[in-house]
C-alpha atoms as a PDB file:
ATOM      1  CA  MET A   1      22.537  42.371 112.242  1.00  0.00           C
ATOM      2  CA  ASN A   2      23.802  44.209 115.332  1.00  0.00           C
ATOM      3  CA  ARG A   3      21.802  41.819 117.486  1.00  0.00           C
ATOM      4  CA  TYR A   4      23.477  38.788 115.943  1.00  0.00           C
ATOM      5  CA  LEU A   5      26.921  40.368 116.232  1.00  0.00           C
ATOM      6  CA  SER A   6      26.269  41.058 119.903  1.00  0.00           C
ATOM      7  CA  ILE A   7      25.133  37.459 120.495  1.00  0.00           C
ATOM      8  CA  PHE A   8      28.155  36.109 118.638  1.00  0.00           C
ATOM      9  CA  ALA A   9      30.437  38.296 120.780  1.00  0.00           C
ATOM     10  CA  THR A  10      28.747  36.836 123.878  1.00  0.00           C
ATOM     11  CA  PHE A  11      29.347  33.291 122.596  1.00  0.00           C
ATOM     12  CA  ALA A  12      32.989  34.134 121.885  1.00  0.00           C
ATOM     13  CA  ARG A  13      33.522  35.664 125.311  1.00  0.00           C
ATOM     14  CA  ALA A  14      31.955  32.650 127.067  1.00  0.00           C
ATOM     15  CA  CYS A  15      34.083  30.204 125.047  1.00  0.00           C
ATOM     16  CA  LEU A  16      37.236  32.193 125.758  1.00  0.00           C
ATOM     17  CA  VAL A  17      36.476  32.173 129.489  1.00  0.00           C
ATOM     18  CA  ARG A  18      35.948  28.413 129.317  1.00  0.00           C
ATOM     19  CA  ASP A  19      39.253  27.882 127.491  1.00  0.00           C
ATOM     20  CA  MET A  20      41.144  30.109 129.916  1.00  0.00           C
ATOM     21  CA  THR A  21      39.654  28.229 132.864  1.00  0.00           C
ATOM     22  CA  PHE A  22      41.582  25.179 131.647  1.00  0.00           C
ATOM     23  CA  ARG A  23      44.728  26.918 130.423  1.00  0.00           C
ATOM     24  CA  ALA A  24      46.890  23.793 130.458  1.00  0.00           C
ATOM     25  CA  ASN A  25      44.486  21.962 128.170  1.00  0.00           C
ATOM     26  CA  PHE A  26      44.256  25.015 125.897  1.00  0.00           C
ATOM     27  CA  LEU A  27      48.047  25.274 125.595  1.00  0.00           C
ATOM     28  CA  LEU A  28      48.363  21.527 125.032  1.00  0.00           C
ATOM     29  CA  GLU A  29      45.849  21.672 122.177  1.00  0.00           C
ATOM     30  CA  CYS A  30      47.750  24.576 120.608  1.00  0.00           C
ATOM     31  CA  VAL A  31      51.100  22.807 120.932  1.00  0.00           C
ATOM     32  CA  THR A  32      49.688  19.535 119.591  1.00  0.00           C
ATOM     33  CA  SER A  33      48.132  21.261 116.593  1.00  0.00           C
ATOM     34  CA  MET A  34      51.290  23.210 115.809  1.00  0.00           C
ATOM     35  CA  GLY A  35      53.431  20.092 116.272  1.00  0.00           C
ATOM     36  CA  TRP A  36      51.335  18.197 113.747  1.00  0.00           C
ATOM     37  CA  MET A  37      51.690  21.102 111.332  1.00  0.00           C
ATOM     38  CA  SER A  38      55.439  21.240 111.856  1.00  0.00           C
ATOM     39  CA  MET A  39      55.730  17.596 110.836  1.00  0.00           C
ATOM     40  CA  ASN A  40      53.783  18.328 107.663  1.00  0.00           C
ATOM     41  CA  LEU A  41      56.048  21.247 106.833  1.00  0.00           C
ATOM     42  CA  ALA A  42      59.095  19.056 107.395  1.00  0.00           C
ATOM     43  CA  PHE A  43      57.614  16.514 104.983  1.00  0.00           C
ATOM     44  CA  TYR A  44      57.120  19.194 102.322  1.00  0.00           C
ATOM     45  CA  LEU A  45      60.696  20.415 102.811  1.00  0.00           C
ATOM     46  CA  LEU A  46      61.855  16.838 102.295  1.00  0.00           C
ATOM     47  CA  ILE A  47      59.925  16.673  99.020  1.00  0.00           C
ATOM     48  CA  PHE A  48      61.604  19.824  97.735  1.00  0.00           C
ATOM     49  CA  THR A  49      65.043  18.361  98.352  1.00  0.00           C
ATOM     50  CA  PHE A  50      64.270  15.961  95.479  1.00  0.00           C
ATOM     51  CA  THR A  51      62.270  18.172  93.110  1.00  0.00           C
ATOM     52  CA  PRO A  52      62.233  21.926  92.403  1.00  0.00           C
ATOM     53  CA  GLU A  53      58.542  22.008  91.466  1.00  0.00           C
ATOM     54  CA  ILE A  54      55.271  20.193  92.202  1.00  0.00           C
ATOM     55  CA  GLY A  55      54.265  19.132  88.697  1.00  0.00           C
ATOM     56  CA  ARG A  56      55.940  20.166  85.473  1.00  0.00           C
ATOM     57  CA  ASP A  57      55.432  23.828  84.496  1.00  0.00           C
ATOM     58  CA  THR A  58      52.774  24.372  87.163  1.00  0.00           C
ATOM     59  CA  GLY A  59      54.565  27.259  88.888  1.00  0.00           C
ATOM     60  CA  TRP A  60      54.365  25.536  92.288  1.00  0.00           C
ATOM     61  CA  THR A  61      58.010  25.824  93.260  1.00  0.00           C
ATOM     62  CA  ARG A  62      58.999  25.808  96.928  1.00  0.00           C
ATOM     63  CA  GLU A  63      58.009  29.335  97.980  1.00  0.00           C
ATOM     64  CA  PRO A  64      54.692  29.485  96.052  1.00  0.00           C
ATOM     65  CA  PHE A  65      53.811  26.043  97.367  1.00  0.00           C
ATOM     66  CA  PHE A  66      54.430  27.149 100.946  1.00  0.00           C
ATOM     67  CA  ALA A  67      52.210  30.163 100.252  1.00  0.00           C
ATOM     68  CA  PHE A  68      49.610  27.591  99.167  1.00  0.00           C
ATOM     69  CA  VAL A  69      50.076  25.645 102.410  1.00  0.00           C
ATOM     70  CA  ALA A  70      49.851  28.866 104.434  1.00  0.00           C
ATOM     71  CA  THR A  71      46.596  29.813 102.716  1.00  0.00           C
ATOM     72  CA  GLY A  72      45.148  26.408 103.544  1.00  0.00           C
ATOM     73  CA  LEU A  73      46.169  26.806 107.180  1.00  0.00           C
ATOM     74  CA  ILE A  74      44.501  30.202 107.440  1.00  0.00           C
ATOM     75  CA  ILE A  75      41.227  29.067 105.855  1.00  0.00           C
ATOM     76  CA  ASN A  76      40.979  25.796 107.768  1.00  0.00           C
ATOM     77  CA  SER A  77      41.840  27.424 111.096  1.00  0.00           C
ATOM     78  CA  ILE A  78      38.953  29.882 110.658  1.00  0.00           C
ATOM     79  CA  VAL A  79      36.515  27.110 109.771  1.00  0.00           C
ATOM     80  CA  GLN A  80      37.671  24.733 112.492  1.00  0.00           C
ATOM     81  CA  ALA A  81      37.596  27.469 115.125  1.00  0.00           C
ATOM     82  CA  LEU A  82      34.238  29.050 114.293  1.00  0.00           C
ATOM     83  CA  PHE A  83      32.062  26.298 112.829  1.00  0.00           C
ATOM     84  CA  MET A  84      33.314  22.747 113.400  1.00  0.00           C
ATOM     85  CA  PRO A  85      32.934  22.644 117.228  1.00  0.00           C
ATOM     86  CA  SER A  86      29.242  23.500 116.955  1.00  0.00           C
ATOM     87  CA  ALA A  87      28.686  21.039 114.105  1.00  0.00           C
ATOM     88  CA  GLU A  88      30.300  18.219 116.069  1.00  0.00           C
ATOM     89  CA  GLU A  89      27.741  18.716 118.872  1.00  0.00           C
ATOM     90  CA  LEU A  90      24.766  18.500 116.531  1.00  0.00           C
ATOM     91  CA  THR A  91      24.471  14.699 116.546  1.00  0.00           C
ATOM     92  CA  GLU A  92      24.112  14.654 120.309  1.00  0.00           C
ATOM     93  CA  MET A  93      21.622  17.525 120.212  1.00  0.00           C
ATOM     94  CA  VAL A  94      19.438  15.666 117.722  1.00  0.00           C
ATOM     95  CA  ARG A  95      19.621  12.440 119.728  1.00  0.00           C
ATOM     96  CA  THR A  96      18.863  13.977 123.123  1.00  0.00           C
ATOM     97  CA  GLY A  97      16.344  16.574 122.003  1.00  0.00           C
ATOM     98  CA  GLY A  98      18.629  19.546 122.571  1.00  0.00           C
ATOM     99  CA  LEU A  99      17.751  20.735 119.091  1.00  0.00           C
ATOM    100  CA  ASP A 100      14.193  21.365 120.314  1.00  0.00           C
ATOM    101  CA  GLY A 101      15.476  24.094 122.603  1.00  0.00           C
ATOM    102  CA  VAL A 102      17.329  25.753 119.723  1.00  0.00           C
ATOM    103  CA  LEU A 103      14.286  25.781 117.439  1.00  0.00           C
ATOM    104  CA  VAL A 104      12.075  27.580 119.983  1.00  0.00           C
ATOM    105  CA  GLN A 105      14.574  30.438 120.365  1.00  0.00           C
ATOM    106  CA  PRO A 106      13.663  33.747 118.638  1.00  0.00           C
ATOM    107  CA  LEU A 107      16.825  33.525 116.560  1.00  0.00           C
ATOM    108  CA  ASP A 108      17.839  31.910 113.308  1.00  0.00           C
ATOM    109  CA  PRO A 109      18.518  28.209 114.080  1.00  0.00           C
ATOM    110  CA  GLN A 110      21.315  27.994 111.490  1.00  0.00           C
ATOM    111  CA  PHE A 111      23.160  30.781 113.276  1.00  0.00           C
ATOM    112  CA  LEU A 112      22.759  29.147 116.680  1.00  0.00           C
ATOM    113  CA  LEU A 113      23.665  25.660 115.505  1.00  0.00           C
ATOM    114  CA  SER A 114      26.752  26.670 113.569  1.00  0.00           C
ATOM    115  CA  MET A 115      28.292  29.390 115.736  1.00  0.00           C
ATOM    116  CA  HIS A 116      27.471  28.807 119.402  1.00  0.00           C
ATOM    117  CA  ARG A 117      30.871  27.282 120.179  1.00  0.00           C
ATOM    118  CA  ILE A 118      34.314  28.631 119.283  1.00  0.00           C
ATOM    119  CA  ASP A 119      37.577  26.716 119.622  1.00  0.00           C
ATOM    120  CA  PHE A 120      40.231  29.375 120.105  1.00  0.00           C
ATOM    121  CA  SER A 121      43.064  26.828 120.067  1.00  0.00           C
ATOM    122  CA  SER A 122      42.359  26.198 116.360  1.00  0.00           C
ATOM    123  CA  PHE A 123      43.541  29.728 115.593  1.00  0.00           C
ATOM    124  CA  ALA A 124      47.091  28.561 116.405  1.00  0.00           C
ATOM    125  CA  ASN A 125      47.448  27.016 112.945  1.00  0.00           C
ATOM    126  CA  GLY A 126      46.162  30.226 111.412  1.00  0.00           C
ATOM    127  CA  LEU A 127      48.923  32.202 113.122  1.00  0.00           C
ATOM    128  CA  VAL A 128      51.455  29.704 111.788  1.00  0.00           C
ATOM    129  CA  GLY A 129      49.898  30.181 108.352  1.00  0.00           C
ATOM    130  CA  VAL A 130      50.277  33.964 108.516  1.00  0.00           C
ATOM    131  CA  GLY A 131      53.938  33.625 109.483  1.00  0.00           C
ATOM    132  CA  LEU A 132      54.569  31.031 106.784  1.00  0.00           C
ATOM    133  CA  LEU A 133      52.864  33.235 104.180  1.00  0.00           C
ATOM    134  CA  GLY A 134      55.099  36.163 105.090  1.00  0.00           C
ATOM    135  CA  TRP A 135      58.192  33.945 104.873  1.00  0.00           C
ATOM    136  CA  ALA A 136      57.188  32.552 101.461  1.00  0.00           C
ATOM    137  CA  LEU A 137      56.233  35.896  99.923  1.00  0.00           C
ATOM    138  CA  GLY A 138      59.450  37.484 101.132  1.00  0.00           C
ATOM    139  CA  ARG A 139      61.506  34.920  99.193  1.00  0.00           C
ATOM    140  CA  MET A 140      59.537  34.735  95.952  1.00  0.00           C
ATOM    141  CA  ALA A 141      60.765  36.317  92.739  1.00  0.00           C
ATOM    142  CA  HIS A 142      57.160  37.295  91.956  1.00  0.00           C
ATOM    143  CA  VAL A 143      55.916  40.312  93.905  1.00  0.00           C
ATOM    144  CA  PRO A 144      52.119  40.286  94.394  1.00  0.00           C
ATOM    145  CA  SER A 145      50.376  43.238  92.780  1.00  0.00           C
ATOM    146  CA  PRO A 146      48.119  45.609  94.766  1.00  0.00           C
ATOM    147  CA  VAL A 147      45.131  43.987  93.059  1.00  0.00           C
ATOM    148  CA  ALA A 148      46.279  40.563  94.313  1.00  0.00           C
ATOM    149  CA  TRP A 149      46.545  41.915  97.865  1.00  0.00           C
ATOM    150  CA  LEU A 150      43.000  43.279  97.610  1.00  0.00           C
ATOM    151  CA  LEU A 151      41.624  40.032  96.171  1.00  0.00           C
ATOM    152  CA  TYR A 152      43.392  37.723  98.618  1.00  0.00           C
ATOM    153  CA  PRO A 153      41.244  38.394 101.733  1.00  0.00           C
ATOM    154  CA  LEU A 154      38.090  38.316  99.588  1.00  0.00           C
ATOM    155  CA  LEU A 155      39.072  34.928  98.172  1.00  0.00           C
ATOM    156  CA  ILE A 156      39.914  33.719 101.680  1.00  0.00           C
ATOM    157  CA  LEU A 157      36.333  34.582 102.656  1.00  0.00           C
ATOM    158  CA  CYS A 158      35.057  32.730  99.569  1.00  0.00           C
ATOM    159  CA  GLY A 159      36.972  29.627 100.651  1.00  0.00           C
ATOM    160  CA  VAL A 160      35.570  29.909 104.176  1.00  0.00           C
ATOM    161  CA  ALA A 161      32.048  30.330 102.743  1.00  0.00           C
ATOM    162  CA  ILE A 162      32.364  27.175 100.624  1.00  0.00           C
ATOM    163  CA  LEU A 163      33.596  25.102 103.571  1.00  0.00           C
ATOM    164  CA  TYR A 164      30.925  26.582 105.845  1.00  0.00           C
ATOM    165  CA  SER A 165      28.259  25.645 103.309  1.00  0.00           C
ATOM    166  CA  LEU A 166      29.572  22.091 103.252  1.00  0.00           C
ATOM    167  CA  ILE A 167      29.360  21.955 107.047  1.00  0.00           C
ATOM    168  CA  ILE A 168      25.768  23.198 106.956  1.00  0.00           C
ATOM    169  CA  MET A 169      24.780  20.523 104.429  1.00  0.00           C
ATOM    170  CA  LEU A 170      26.432  17.835 106.546  1.00  0.00           C
ATOM    171  CA  ALA A 171      24.538  19.229 109.535  1.00  0.00           C
ATOM    172  CA  ALA A 172      21.313  18.957 107.531  1.00  0.00           C
ATOM    173  CA  ALA A 173      22.133  15.306 106.860  1.00  0.00           C
ATOM    174  CA  THR A 174      22.576  14.813 110.604  1.00  0.00           C
ATOM    175  CA  ILE A 175      19.137  16.286 111.273  1.00  0.00           C
ATOM    176  CA  LEU A 176      17.517  14.067 108.642  1.00  0.00           C
ATOM    177  CA  LEU A 177      19.297  10.866 109.674  1.00  0.00           C
ATOM    178  CA  GLY A 178      19.037  11.457 113.400  1.00  0.00           C
ATOM    179  CA  ARG A 179      22.493  10.038 113.952  1.00  0.00           C
ATOM    180  CA  ASN A 180      25.584  10.800 111.898  1.00  0.00           C
ATOM    181  CA  GLN A 181      28.717  10.327 113.965  1.00  0.00           C
ATOM    182  CA  SER A 182      30.856  10.097 110.817  1.00  0.00           C
ATOM    183  CA  LEU A 183      30.391  13.837 110.178  1.00  0.00           C
ATOM    184  CA  TYR A 184      33.943  14.810 111.062  1.00  0.00           C
ATOM    185  CA  ASP A 185      35.449  11.803 109.260  1.00  0.00           C
ATOM    186  CA  PHE A 186      33.603  12.628 106.047  1.00  0.00           C
ATOM    187  CA  TRP A 187      34.630  16.268 106.405  1.00  0.00           C
ATOM    188  CA  PHE A 188      38.289  15.286 106.756  1.00  0.00           C
ATOM    189  CA  TYR A 189      38.241  12.932 103.757  1.00  0.00           C
ATOM    190  CA  LEU A 190      36.523  15.474 101.520  1.00  0.00           C
ATOM    191  CA  THR A 191      38.629  18.486 102.471  1.00  0.00           C
ATOM    192  CA  ASN A 192      41.777  16.401 102.006  1.00  0.00           C
ATOM    193  CA  PHE A 193      41.444  17.088  98.266  1.00  0.00           C
ATOM    194  CA  SER A 194      41.904  20.826  98.881  1.00  0.00           C
ATOM    195  CA  ARG A 195      45.302  20.377 100.559  1.00  0.00           C
ATOM    196  CA  TYR A 196      47.146  20.028  97.253  1.00  0.00           C
ATOM    197  CA  PRO A 197      47.359  22.072  94.038  1.00  0.00           C
ATOM    198  CA  ALA A 198      44.680  21.260  91.475  1.00  0.00           C
ATOM    199  CA  GLU A 199      47.354  20.486  88.866  1.00  0.00           C
ATOM    200  CA  ILE A 200      48.256  17.183  90.540  1.00  0.00           C
ATOM    201  CA  TYR A 201      44.826  15.821  89.624  1.00  0.00           C
ATOM    202  CA  ALA A 202      45.582  14.759  86.075  1.00  0.00           C
ATOM    203  CA  GLY A 203      45.382  11.634  83.949  1.00  0.00           C
ATOM    204  CA  PRO A 204      42.554   9.113  83.577  1.00  0.00           C
ATOM    205  CA  TRP A 205      41.795   9.100  87.313  1.00  0.00           C
ATOM    206  CA  GLY A 206      42.843  12.577  88.358  1.00  0.00           C
ATOM    207  CA  GLY A 207      40.982  14.411  85.585  1.00  0.00           C
ATOM    208  CA  PRO A 208      37.468  13.296  86.632  1.00  0.00           C
ATOM    209  CA  ILE A 209      38.318  13.972  90.287  1.00  0.00           C
ATOM    210  CA  ARG A 210      39.435  17.488  89.381  1.00  0.00           C
ATOM    211  CA  MET A 211      36.230  18.158  87.442  1.00  0.00           C
ATOM    212  CA  LEU A 212      34.076  16.777  90.272  1.00  0.00           C
ATOM    213  CA  CYS A 213      35.880  18.750  92.981  1.00  0.00           C
ATOM    214  CA  THR A 214      35.829  21.963  90.967  1.00  0.00           C
ATOM    215  CA  PHE A 215      32.361  22.161  89.402  1.00  0.00           C
ATOM    216  CA  VAL A 216      30.179  19.821  91.505  1.00  0.00           C
ATOM    217  CA  ILE A 217      31.715  20.067  94.987  1.00  0.00           C
ATOM    218  CA  PRO A 218      33.972  23.113  94.567  1.00  0.00           C
ATOM    219  CA  ILE A 219      36.477  22.004  97.170  1.00  0.00           C
ATOM    220  CA  LEU A 220      39.486  22.612  94.907  1.00  0.00           C
ATOM    221  CA  LEU A 221      38.563  26.298  94.632  1.00  0.00           C
ATOM    222  CA  VAL A 222      38.882  26.829  98.384  1.00  0.00           C
ATOM    223  CA  VAL A 223      42.683  27.069  98.639  1.00  0.00           C
ATOM    224  CA  ASN A 224      43.887  26.956  95.036  1.00  0.00           C
ATOM    225  CA  VAL A 225      42.321  30.239  93.928  1.00  0.00           C
ATOM    226  CA  PRO A 226      43.508  32.564  96.738  1.00  0.00           C
ATOM    227  CA  ALA A 227      46.934  30.878  96.842  1.00  0.00           C
ATOM    228  CA  ARG A 228      47.414  31.260  93.096  1.00  0.00           C
ATOM    229  CA  ALA A 229      46.231  34.881  93.200  1.00  0.00           C
ATOM    230  CA  ILE A 230      48.829  35.856  95.808  1.00  0.00           C
ATOM    231  CA  SER A 231      51.753  33.715  94.665  1.00  0.00           C
ATOM    232  CA  GLN A 232      51.547  33.765  90.853  1.00  0.00           C
ATOM    233  CA  PRO A 233      50.809  36.409  88.175  1.00  0.00           C
ATOM    234  CA  LEU A 234      47.143  37.169  87.481  1.00  0.00           C
ATOM    235  CA  THR A 235      46.668  35.729  84.000  1.00  0.00           C
ATOM    236  CA  GLY A 236      43.477  35.230  82.026  1.00  0.00           C
ATOM    237  CA  GLN A 237      43.007  31.740  83.433  1.00  0.00           C
ATOM    238  CA  ALA A 238      43.524  33.064  86.959  1.00  0.00           C
ATOM    239  CA  TRP A 239      40.746  35.622  86.472  1.00  0.00           C
ATOM    240  CA  GLY A 240      38.430  32.855  85.301  1.00  0.00           C
ATOM    241  CA  MET A 241      39.123  30.839  88.451  1.00  0.00           C
ATOM    242  CA  ILE A 242      38.604  33.934  90.612  1.00  0.00           C
ATOM    243  CA  ALA A 243      35.187  34.450  89.032  1.00  0.00           C
ATOM    244  CA  ALA A 244      34.415  30.750  89.543  1.00  0.00           C
ATOM    245  CA  ALA A 245      35.333  30.989  93.233  1.00  0.00           C
ATOM    246  CA  LEU A 246      33.101  34.017  93.770  1.00  0.00           C
ATOM    247  CA  ILE A 247      30.163  32.350  92.023  1.00  0.00           C
ATOM    248  CA  ALA A 248      30.748  29.045  93.816  1.00  0.00           C
ATOM    249  CA  ALA A 249      30.757  30.768  97.216  1.00  0.00           C
ATOM    250  CA  VAL A 250      27.436  32.510  96.564  1.00  0.00           C
ATOM    251  CA  VAL A 251      25.801  29.394  95.098  1.00  0.00           C
ATOM    252  CA  ALA A 252      27.101  27.211  97.938  1.00  0.00           C
ATOM    253  CA  LEU A 253      25.677  29.548 100.589  1.00  0.00           C
ATOM    254  CA  VAL A 254      22.279  29.675  98.872  1.00  0.00           C
ATOM    255  CA  VAL A 255      22.081  25.908  98.330  1.00  0.00           C
ATOM    256  CA  SER A 256      23.200  25.113 101.884  1.00  0.00           C
ATOM    257  CA  ARG A 257      20.557  27.491 103.246  1.00  0.00           C
ATOM    258  CA  ILE A 258      17.832  25.794 101.208  1.00  0.00           C
ATOM    259  CA  VAL A 259      19.001  22.317 102.264  1.00  0.00           C
ATOM    260  CA  PHE A 260      19.194  23.303 105.925  1.00  0.00           C
ATOM    261  CA  GLN A 261      15.733  24.865 105.917  1.00  0.00           C
ATOM    262  CA  ALA A 262      14.303  21.743 104.272  1.00  0.00           C
ATOM    263  CA  ALA A 263      15.948  19.555 106.939  1.00  0.00           C
ATOM    264  CA  ILE A 264      14.523  21.714 109.737  1.00  0.00           C
ATOM    265  CA  MET A 265      11.032  21.431 108.231  1.00  0.00           C
ATOM    266  CA  ARG A 266      11.321  17.632 108.266  1.00  0.00           C
ATOM    267  CA  TYR A 267      12.755  17.443 111.777  1.00  0.00           C
ATOM    268  CA  ARG A 268      10.692  15.650 114.401  1.00  0.00           C
ATOM    269  CA  SER A 269      11.306  16.197 118.089  1.00  0.00           C
ATOM    270  CA  ALA A 270      13.261  13.509 119.927  1.00  0.00           C
ATOM    271  CA  SER A 271      10.246  13.160 122.241  1.00  0.00           C
ATOM    272  CA  SER A 272       7.735  12.663 119.401  1.00  0.00           C
END
């Protein structure tokens, strides 16, 4: 474990040096990302000028909803900083044979393929999320309990684990197909479901989507569970969703590992 932590620290240091070599580009990426987020926040503020709550009797009034948005920012910034840059390079590595060099290394290939690049500019949205969370919690009538504060970082990690597992399975598809340039597009479309409270998925169309994205592809558990734990009272239903998130994270990691290993076993060198 210490060996992998040391290697990860080396990757992080090299990526930070690279980003600081091109400081103007780094700052521009941060400003662009934060500008896009600011426009989204302005849109949500506009919505709350016409309605006091997202959905009837859901509890997602303005401050809890912004805590939800902040939680999504924190989780997605971690995933996009630590895992997505490496995953986006995988298609080219498979096509050119760069994956061959990874597989002959005396290290776990999943570790190397998913964590060799870090995009520090993606942490900008996470910092915005932390500030937004503090603003929302400071204005809510509900004060989070000590148990909620203890559960929140754990549930954040569960959300990161579920998204990481999805990335690994998409990476496995890239290895099997040999070319999958739609990886990021598919990722964006799928994770779009997690940007909104689960309660909005109702009715003849929304109900099946909610079931699919909760129990088959547990994308709705990623943000909804930690956001609800920190912004609303911990009721019986909340405890059930917390348990579901913990189980989903463990199952997702195990399944993604099995899928990735199977893809590696079926991989054929680009030169073969």
